[in-house]
Amino acid sequence: MDLGFTGRRVLVVGASAGIGFATAELLAREGASLLIASRDPAGIAAAAERIAASTGLRPAHIAADVTQPGAAEALAAEAASRWGALDAVVDCVGGSIRSGFEALSDADWMANYTFNVLSAVRVVRAALPLLRQGLAPSIVLLGAAASRMPYPNQIVSNVHKAGLLGLTKTLAGEYAAEGIRVNCVAPGRTLTRLWTDRAAKMAAERNVSAEDVIAEFAHEIPLGRFGTPEEVAAMVLWLSSPRAGYVTGQTVNVDGGIARGLL
């Protein structure tokens, strides 16, 4: 299926690794014109090189930490100078702190709120003028299955990822009349560096292998395994594409069935 990305101008934030990188690489394969960003200058430059090597299309790249004021505006300015408009924005910034409630300080809560929610707010706000100039414009935010089925010892991300659901639904209603669609993809347990690092740490604490830890957590997933970044990226691409032109305000889980609620 042709998703209609040829010539579409797309900004991917958080694209140096994991789901963000997989999304950018798939977009390049589909013919999109890309601007990719992350807070790691060396990492985003390396990601651009890898995408160019694997797809033949070299994305523009910029280092920007959208947890900091002004960074999202710098991204928008770069996109404006290149294209004058954006057709899609994908925001893949976020993460969690594995901790019980009482061990968390105010600073922990605020830092994770900035990481998971305020960064997305900043990206959307900065990109809106360019999306208004785009063709069939779309925004996709990256949430988490934990927003619908809270995980133990991840209370800050459970709360803040649930906030992204509210942000998605509200933005979709507010900007529907302008033709801007807003959706969210909520991954479950996915084999990214966040999970491999976490598994390695837990393995050292328990004196077992990282593979044993991954297998333990996979046991709770109906499909019996972790997802891959590419499997999540495939849903991001579809929701970003003109093919999903009648879909807005939705949060779609890509989680192997781990979130068992009806909503």
Protein backbone atom coordinates (compact mmCIF):
# COMPACT_ATOMS: atom_id res chain seq x y z
CA MET A 1 0.00 0.00 0.00
CA ASP A 2 1.29 3.44 -0.93
CA LEU A 3 0.87 5.57 2.20
CA GLY A 4 1.30 8.79 0.24
CA PHE A 5 4.46 10.09 1.89
CA THR A 6 6.37 10.99 -1.27
CA GLY A 7 7.24 14.65 -0.95
CA ARG A 8 5.57 15.06 2.45
CA ARG A 9 7.54 17.21 4.87
CA VAL A 10 7.88 15.49 8.24
CA LEU A 11 9.52 16.43 11.53
CA VAL A 12 10.44 13.52 13.83
CA VAL A 13 11.55 14.48 17.35
CA GLY A 14 13.44 11.90 19.40
CA ALA A 15 14.77 10.17 16.30
CA SER A 16 18.29 9.13 17.30
CA ALA A 17 17.31 5.66 18.57
CA GLY A 18 14.46 3.29 19.37
CA ILE A 19 10.96 3.95 18.09
CA GLY A 20 11.84 7.44 16.87
CA PHE A 21 14.69 6.15 14.73
CA ALA A 22 12.58 3.27 13.38
CA THR A 23 9.84 5.75 12.47
CA ALA A 24 12.25 8.07 10.68
CA GLU A 25 13.80 5.20 8.74
CA LEU A 26 10.39 3.90 7.62
CA LEU A 27 9.37 7.42 6.59
CA ALA A 28 12.51 7.72 4.49
CA ARG A 29 11.72 4.40 2.81
CA GLU A 30 8.28 5.83 1.98
CA GLY A 31 9.84 8.87 0.31
CA ALA A 32 9.19 11.54 2.93
CA SER A 33 11.35 14.64 3.21
CA LEU A 34 12.65 14.47 6.76
CA LEU A 35 13.96 16.71 9.49
CA ILE A 36 15.01 14.56 12.45
CA ALA A 37 15.96 15.78 15.90
CA SER A 38 17.18 14.64 19.29
CA ARG A 39 19.06 16.16 22.21
CA ASP A 40 22.24 14.20 21.39
CA PRO A 41 24.22 15.93 18.60
CA ALA A 42 26.41 12.92 17.85
CA GLY A 43 23.48 10.51 18.08
CA ILE A 44 21.25 12.40 15.67
CA ALA A 45 24.08 12.88 13.18
CA ALA A 46 24.78 9.14 13.32
CA ALA A 47 21.09 8.39 12.87
CA ALA A 48 20.98 10.55 9.74
CA GLU A 49 23.97 8.65 8.33
CA ARG A 50 22.37 5.28 9.08
CA ILE A 51 19.11 6.30 7.42
CA ALA A 52 20.96 7.57 4.36
CA ALA A 53 22.91 4.32 4.12
CA SER A 54 19.84 2.10 4.43
CA THR A 55 17.36 4.09 2.33
CA GLY A 56 19.38 6.30 -0.02
CA LEU A 57 17.59 9.38 1.34
CA ARG A 58 19.54 11.64 3.67
CA PRO A 59 17.39 13.42 6.26
CA ALA A 60 18.21 16.86 7.56
CA HIS A 61 19.07 16.72 11.25
CA ILE A 62 19.35 19.08 14.18
CA ALA A 63 20.21 18.70 17.86
CA ALA A 64 17.49 20.06 20.14
CA ASP A 65 16.47 19.20 23.69
CA VAL A 66 12.75 19.93 23.79
CA THR A 67 12.71 19.65 27.58
CA GLN A 68 14.41 23.05 27.46
CA PRO A 69 12.63 26.35 26.63
CA GLY A 70 13.25 27.59 23.11
CA ALA A 71 14.34 24.26 21.62
CA ALA A 72 10.99 23.49 19.96
CA GLU A 73 10.98 26.96 18.41
CA ALA A 74 14.45 26.27 17.01
CA LEU A 75 13.11 23.08 15.39
CA ALA A 76 10.20 24.97 13.87
CA ALA A 77 12.53 27.67 12.58
CA GLU A 78 14.72 25.04 10.91
CA ALA A 79 11.68 23.44 9.24
CA ALA A 80 10.41 26.85 8.16
CA SER A 81 13.74 27.76 6.59
CA ARG A 82 13.80 24.49 4.63
CA TRP A 83 10.20 24.08 3.55
CA GLY A 84 7.98 26.87 4.89
CA ALA A 85 5.47 24.25 6.02
CA LEU A 86 5.10 20.84 7.67
CA ASP A 87 2.75 18.03 6.66
CA ALA A 88 3.36 15.83 9.70
CA VAL A 89 4.98 15.97 13.12
CA VAL A 90 5.91 12.89 15.14
CA ASP A 91 6.97 13.41 18.76
CA CYS A 92 8.79 10.40 20.25
CA VAL A 93 10.11 12.00 23.44
CA GLY A 94 9.39 10.38 26.79
CA GLY A 95 10.38 7.83 29.38
CA SER A 96 9.80 6.58 32.89
CA ILE A 97 11.32 6.35 36.35
CA ARG A 98 11.07 2.93 37.95
CA SER A 99 10.26 3.77 41.56
CA GLY A 100 7.65 3.48 44.27
CA PHE A 101 5.55 6.52 45.14
CA GLU A 102 7.21 7.49 48.43
CA ALA A 103 10.72 7.51 46.97
CA LEU A 104 9.86 10.25 44.48
CA SER A 105 10.56 13.91 45.15
CA ASP A 106 8.84 16.98 43.71
CA ALA A 107 11.84 17.36 41.41
CA ASP A 108 11.34 13.81 40.11
CA TRP A 109 7.70 14.55 39.33
CA MET A 110 8.44 17.84 37.60
CA ALA A 111 11.33 16.44 35.55
CA ASN A 112 9.23 13.55 34.30
CA TYR A 113 6.28 15.86 33.56
CA THR A 114 8.59 18.02 31.45
CA PHE A 115 9.97 14.96 29.70
CA ASN A 116 6.63 13.31 28.92
CA VAL A 117 4.04 16.09 28.63
CA LEU A 118 5.49 19.60 28.47
CA SER A 119 8.00 18.61 25.77
CA ALA A 120 5.10 17.44 23.57
CA VAL A 121 3.16 20.63 24.29
CA ARG A 122 6.15 22.69 23.21
CA VAL A 123 6.66 20.75 19.98
CA VAL A 124 3.00 20.98 18.98
CA ARG A 125 2.74 24.67 19.83
CA ALA A 126 5.84 25.54 17.82
CA ALA A 127 4.82 23.40 14.84
CA LEU A 128 1.20 24.54 14.50
CA PRO A 129 1.86 27.57 12.25
CA LEU A 130 3.78 25.32 9.84
CA LEU A 131 1.17 22.57 9.95
CA ARG A 132 -1.47 25.13 8.99
CA GLN A 133 0.49 25.62 5.77
CA GLY A 134 0.82 21.88 5.15
CA LEU A 135 -1.14 19.31 3.18
CA ALA A 136 -3.45 16.98 5.15
CA PRO A 137 -1.48 17.84 8.30
CA SER A 138 -1.07 15.30 11.07
CA ILE A 139 0.43 15.08 14.56
CA VAL A 140 1.31 11.79 16.25
CA LEU A 141 2.43 11.69 19.87
CA LEU A 142 4.09 8.68 21.50
CA GLY A 143 2.39 7.59 24.68
CA ALA A 144 2.44 4.26 26.51
CA ALA A 145 0.14 1.33 27.18
CA ALA A 146 0.65 2.20 30.86
CA SER A 147 -1.76 5.09 30.33
CA ARG A 148 -4.55 2.50 30.16
CA MET A 149 -3.10 -0.18 32.42
CA PRO A 150 -0.76 1.37 35.00
CA TYR A 151 2.42 -0.60 35.61
CA PRO A 152 3.69 -1.19 39.17
CA ASN A 153 6.57 1.06 40.28
CA GLN A 154 6.14 3.44 37.34
CA ILE A 155 3.71 5.90 38.86
CA VAL A 156 5.15 9.08 37.31
CA SER A 157 4.95 7.78 33.76
CA ASN A 158 1.55 6.16 34.44
CA VAL A 159 0.20 9.57 35.41
CA HIS A 160 1.94 11.61 32.75
CA LYS A 161 1.30 9.22 29.86
CA ALA A 162 -2.38 9.30 30.81
CA GLY A 163 -2.09 13.06 30.47
CA LEU A 164 -0.98 12.59 26.87
CA LEU A 165 -4.30 10.84 26.16
CA GLY A 166 -6.11 13.94 27.38
CA LEU A 167 -3.80 16.19 25.39
CA THR A 168 -4.37 14.14 22.23
CA LYS A 169 -8.15 14.13 22.51
CA THR A 170 -8.33 17.84 23.35
CA LEU A 171 -5.99 18.96 20.58
CA ALA A 172 -7.86 16.81 18.05
CA GLY A 173 -11.12 18.55 18.90
CA GLU A 174 -9.60 22.01 18.96
CA TYR A 175 -7.88 21.77 15.57
CA ALA A 176 -10.24 19.50 13.61
CA ALA A 177 -11.88 22.49 11.94
CA GLU A 178 -8.46 23.44 10.54
CA GLY A 179 -7.98 19.95 9.11
CA ILE A 180 -5.17 19.04 11.54
CA ARG A 181 -5.44 15.49 12.83
CA VAL A 182 -3.93 14.52 16.21
CA ASN A 183 -3.44 10.93 17.37
CA CYS A 184 -1.35 9.00 19.87
CA VAL A 185 0.43 5.65 19.63
CA ALA A 186 0.79 3.81 22.94
CA PRO A 187 3.51 1.15 22.86
CA GLY A 188 3.67 -1.68 25.33
CA ARG A 189 6.90 -3.40 26.26
CA THR A 190 9.23 -2.76 23.34
CA LEU A 191 12.85 -3.81 22.92
CA THR A 192 14.45 -0.39 23.02
CA ARG A 193 17.53 0.72 24.94
CA LEU A 194 15.30 1.78 27.84
CA TRP A 195 14.21 -1.82 28.33
CA THR A 196 17.55 -3.46 27.63
CA ASP A 197 19.26 -1.11 30.11
CA ARG A 198 16.54 -1.78 32.69
CA ALA A 199 16.82 -5.53 32.18
CA ALA A 200 20.60 -5.39 32.59
CA LYS A 201 20.26 -3.45 35.85
CA MET A 202 17.63 -5.82 37.25
CA ALA A 203 19.67 -8.83 36.15
CA ALA A 204 22.70 -7.58 38.08
CA GLU A 205 20.56 -7.01 41.18
CA ARG A 206 19.08 -10.52 41.00
CA ASN A 207 22.20 -12.35 39.78
CA VAL A 208 20.39 -13.66 36.70
CA SER A 209 20.75 -12.93 32.99
CA ALA A 210 19.16 -10.00 31.20
CA GLU A 211 17.46 -12.54 28.93
CA ASP A 212 15.81 -14.07 32.02
CA VAL A 213 14.46 -10.67 33.04
CA ILE A 214 13.08 -9.99 29.56
CA ALA A 215 11.46 -13.44 29.51
CA GLU A 216 9.84 -12.78 32.90
CA PHE A 217 8.26 -9.54 31.71
CA ALA A 218 7.29 -11.08 28.37
CA HIS A 219 5.33 -13.76 30.21
CA GLU A 220 2.70 -11.14 31.11
CA ILE A 221 2.13 -10.22 27.45
CA PRO A 222 -0.58 -12.25 25.65
CA LEU A 223 1.55 -12.50 22.50
CA GLY A 224 4.38 -13.80 24.68
CA ARG A 225 7.12 -11.42 23.55
CA PHE A 226 8.27 -7.82 23.52
CA GLY A 227 7.48 -5.70 20.49
CA THR A 228 10.05 -4.23 18.15
CA PRO A 229 10.52 -0.52 17.42
CA GLU A 230 9.61 -1.24 13.78
CA GLU A 231 6.23 -2.70 14.78
CA VAL A 232 5.36 0.46 16.69
CA ALA A 233 6.73 2.67 13.91
CA ALA A 234 4.42 1.00 11.39
CA MET A 235 1.38 2.26 13.32
CA VAL A 236 2.92 5.73 13.67
CA LEU A 237 3.38 5.85 9.90
CA TRP A 238 -0.18 4.87 9.12
CA LEU A 239 -1.68 7.41 11.53
CA SER A 240 0.63 10.10 10.11
CA SER A 241 -0.35 9.33 6.55
CA PRO A 242 -3.21 10.65 4.40
CA ARG A 243 -4.55 7.06 4.41
CA ALA A 244 -5.71 7.68 8.00
CA GLY A 245 -7.53 10.85 6.98
CA TYR A 246 -10.69 10.04 8.98
CA VAL A 247 -8.86 9.13 12.20
CA THR A 248 -8.27 11.78 14.85
CA GLY A 249 -8.32 12.01 18.63
CA GLN A 250 -7.42 8.34 19.02
CA THR A 251 -4.85 6.54 21.13
CA VAL A 252 -3.90 3.22 19.54
CA ASN A 253 -2.12 0.62 21.64
CA VAL A 254 0.67 -1.41 20.05
CA ASP A 255 1.27 -3.61 23.06
CA GLY A 256 0.87 -7.31 22.29
CA GLY A 257 -2.42 -7.26 24.17
CA ILE A 258 -1.00 -6.38 27.61
CA ALA A 259 -3.56 -3.63 28.30
CA ARG A 260 -6.71 -5.66 28.81
CA GLY A 261 -9.23 -2.87 29.45
CA LEU A 262 -12.10 -2.22 27.05
CA LEU A 263 -11.25 1.47 26.57
